[in-house]
Amino acid sequence: MKYLILFLLFSAGISHAKIVSRNLTLSHHNIQVVDNYSAEKNIGLIRVKRCYNCKKMELILDNNTRFTVANKITNLENLLHIRLSQPSKAVRIQYNDIDKTVSFIHWNYINPEEVVLK
């Protein structure tokens, strides 16, 4: 019984944890490469606009950012080239809402739930 009480107290604290990861799905038109990522600098910067009336938000690219094009891992240094040569209506960006670092960029993103429905 005492373990049940401890479990309930512990699980209540977990349920109030703050979610810091955010996801955006937007068109390539709403992504501006301000400073392309380079392995020498280990940093890059993009600006995204979530909606027509939304303010632009700056996101940081670093050596932990993963970049995929059509579900294939691609070198992050190719982001600007891909942005210009392969327009996409579906780009999914996952980022940390606190420090604004990008975890993943999925170019030509296909939602698996939509594929199942078709």
Protein backbone atom coordinates (compact mmCIF):
# COMPACT_ATOMS: atom_id res chain seq x y z
CA MET A 1 0.00 0.00 0.00
CA LYS A 2 2.79 2.44 0.86
CA TYR A 3 4.37 1.76 -2.55
CA LEU A 4 1.11 2.68 -4.24
CA ILE A 5 1.02 6.00 -2.40
CA LEU A 6 4.66 6.70 -3.32
CA PHE A 7 3.95 5.81 -6.93
CA LEU A 8 0.95 8.13 -7.06
CA LEU A 9 2.93 10.99 -5.53
CA PHE A 10 5.81 10.44 -7.95
CA SER A 11 3.60 10.12 -11.04
CA ALA A 12 1.72 13.32 -10.19
CA GLY A 13 4.98 15.27 -10.43
CA ILE A 14 5.80 13.75 -13.78
CA SER A 15 2.46 14.73 -15.28
CA HIS A 16 3.21 18.40 -14.66
CA ALA A 17 6.51 18.39 -16.56
CA LYS A 18 6.84 21.21 -19.06
CA ILE A 19 6.94 20.24 -22.73
CA VAL A 20 9.81 22.08 -24.37
CA SER A 21 9.84 20.42 -27.79
CA ARG A 22 7.70 22.03 -30.50
CA ASN A 23 6.87 20.98 -34.06
CA LEU A 24 6.15 23.17 -37.07
CA THR A 25 4.96 21.98 -40.45
CA LEU A 26 5.18 24.70 -43.06
CA SER A 27 6.05 25.49 -46.66
CA HIS A 28 9.59 26.24 -47.82
CA HIS A 29 8.35 29.79 -48.58
CA ASN A 30 8.11 30.38 -44.83
CA ILE A 31 11.73 29.39 -44.18
CA GLN A 32 14.57 31.85 -44.65
CA VAL A 33 18.16 30.63 -44.33
CA VAL A 34 19.88 33.56 -42.62
CA ASP A 35 23.23 31.87 -42.01
CA ASN A 36 23.72 28.45 -43.60
CA TYR A 37 25.11 25.80 -41.26
CA SER A 38 28.80 25.05 -41.65
CA ALA A 39 30.78 22.29 -39.96
CA GLU A 40 33.61 24.76 -39.31
CA LYS A 41 31.39 27.10 -37.28
CA ASN A 42 29.06 24.36 -35.95
CA ILE A 43 26.19 26.85 -36.11
CA GLY A 44 23.61 28.23 -38.51
CA LEU A 45 20.45 30.30 -38.32
CA ILE A 46 17.03 30.14 -39.97
CA ARG A 47 13.95 32.35 -39.69
CA VAL A 48 10.52 30.78 -39.88
CA LYS A 49 7.09 32.31 -40.15
CA ARG A 50 4.35 30.06 -38.77
CA CYS A 51 1.42 31.94 -40.25
CA TYR A 52 0.59 35.02 -42.32
CA ASN A 53 0.14 37.32 -39.32
CA CYS A 54 2.76 35.64 -37.12
CA LYS A 55 6.03 37.27 -36.22
CA LYS A 56 9.17 35.63 -37.66
CA MET A 57 11.04 33.41 -35.25
CA GLU A 58 14.78 32.69 -35.37
CA LEU A 59 15.93 29.10 -34.82
CA ILE A 60 19.48 27.89 -34.30
CA LEU A 61 21.07 25.04 -36.25
CA ASP A 62 23.91 23.23 -34.51
CA ASN A 63 25.91 20.02 -34.76
CA ASN A 64 23.01 18.09 -33.17
CA THR A 65 20.50 19.15 -35.85
CA ARG A 66 19.45 16.28 -38.13
CA PHE A 67 18.35 17.02 -41.70
CA THR A 68 16.40 14.60 -43.90
CA VAL A 69 15.19 15.02 -47.45
CA ALA A 70 12.44 12.58 -48.48
CA ASN A 71 13.30 10.46 -45.41
CA LYS A 72 17.02 10.22 -46.30
CA ILE A 73 19.61 11.73 -43.99
CA THR A 74 21.33 14.64 -45.73
CA ASN A 75 24.24 16.88 -44.80
CA LEU A 76 22.93 19.97 -43.01
CA GLU A 77 25.33 22.14 -45.02
CA ASN A 78 23.09 21.44 -48.04
CA LEU A 79 20.07 23.19 -46.48
CA LEU A 80 20.34 26.40 -48.53
CA HIS A 81 20.86 24.46 -51.77
CA ILE A 82 17.89 22.17 -51.02
CA ARG A 83 15.76 25.19 -50.05
CA LEU A 84 16.42 26.77 -53.46
CA SER A 85 16.39 23.67 -55.67
CA GLN A 86 13.69 21.47 -54.12
CA PRO A 87 10.60 23.46 -53.12
CA SER A 88 8.42 21.67 -50.61
CA LYS A 89 4.96 22.39 -49.25
CA ALA A 90 5.69 20.19 -46.24
CA VAL A 91 8.74 20.89 -44.12
CA ARG A 92 8.58 19.70 -40.53
CA ILE A 93 10.85 21.36 -38.00
CA GLN A 94 11.22 20.13 -34.43
CA TYR A 95 12.86 22.60 -32.05
CA ASN A 96 13.42 23.36 -28.38
CA ASP A 97 11.05 26.13 -27.30
CA ILE A 98 13.41 27.42 -24.61
CA ASP A 99 16.78 27.75 -26.36
CA LYS A 100 15.39 27.71 -29.95
CA THR A 101 17.77 24.98 -31.17
CA VAL A 102 16.51 22.77 -33.98
CA SER A 103 16.56 18.99 -33.46
CA PHE A 104 15.18 17.84 -36.81
CA ILE A 105 14.32 19.25 -40.21
CA HIS A 106 12.29 16.88 -42.39
CA TRP A 107 12.14 18.18 -45.99
CA ASN A 108 9.25 16.81 -48.10
CA TYR A 109 7.68 15.54 -44.90
CA ILE A 110 4.91 12.97 -45.25
CA ASN A 111 2.66 12.49 -42.25
CA PRO A 112 2.46 8.72 -41.62
CA GLU A 113 -1.14 9.06 -40.41
CA GLU A 114 -2.19 10.57 -43.74
CA VAL A 115 -0.52 7.74 -45.67
CA VAL A 116 -2.47 5.15 -43.67
CA LEU A 117 -5.75 6.95 -44.35
CA LYS A 118 -5.29 6.93 -48.14
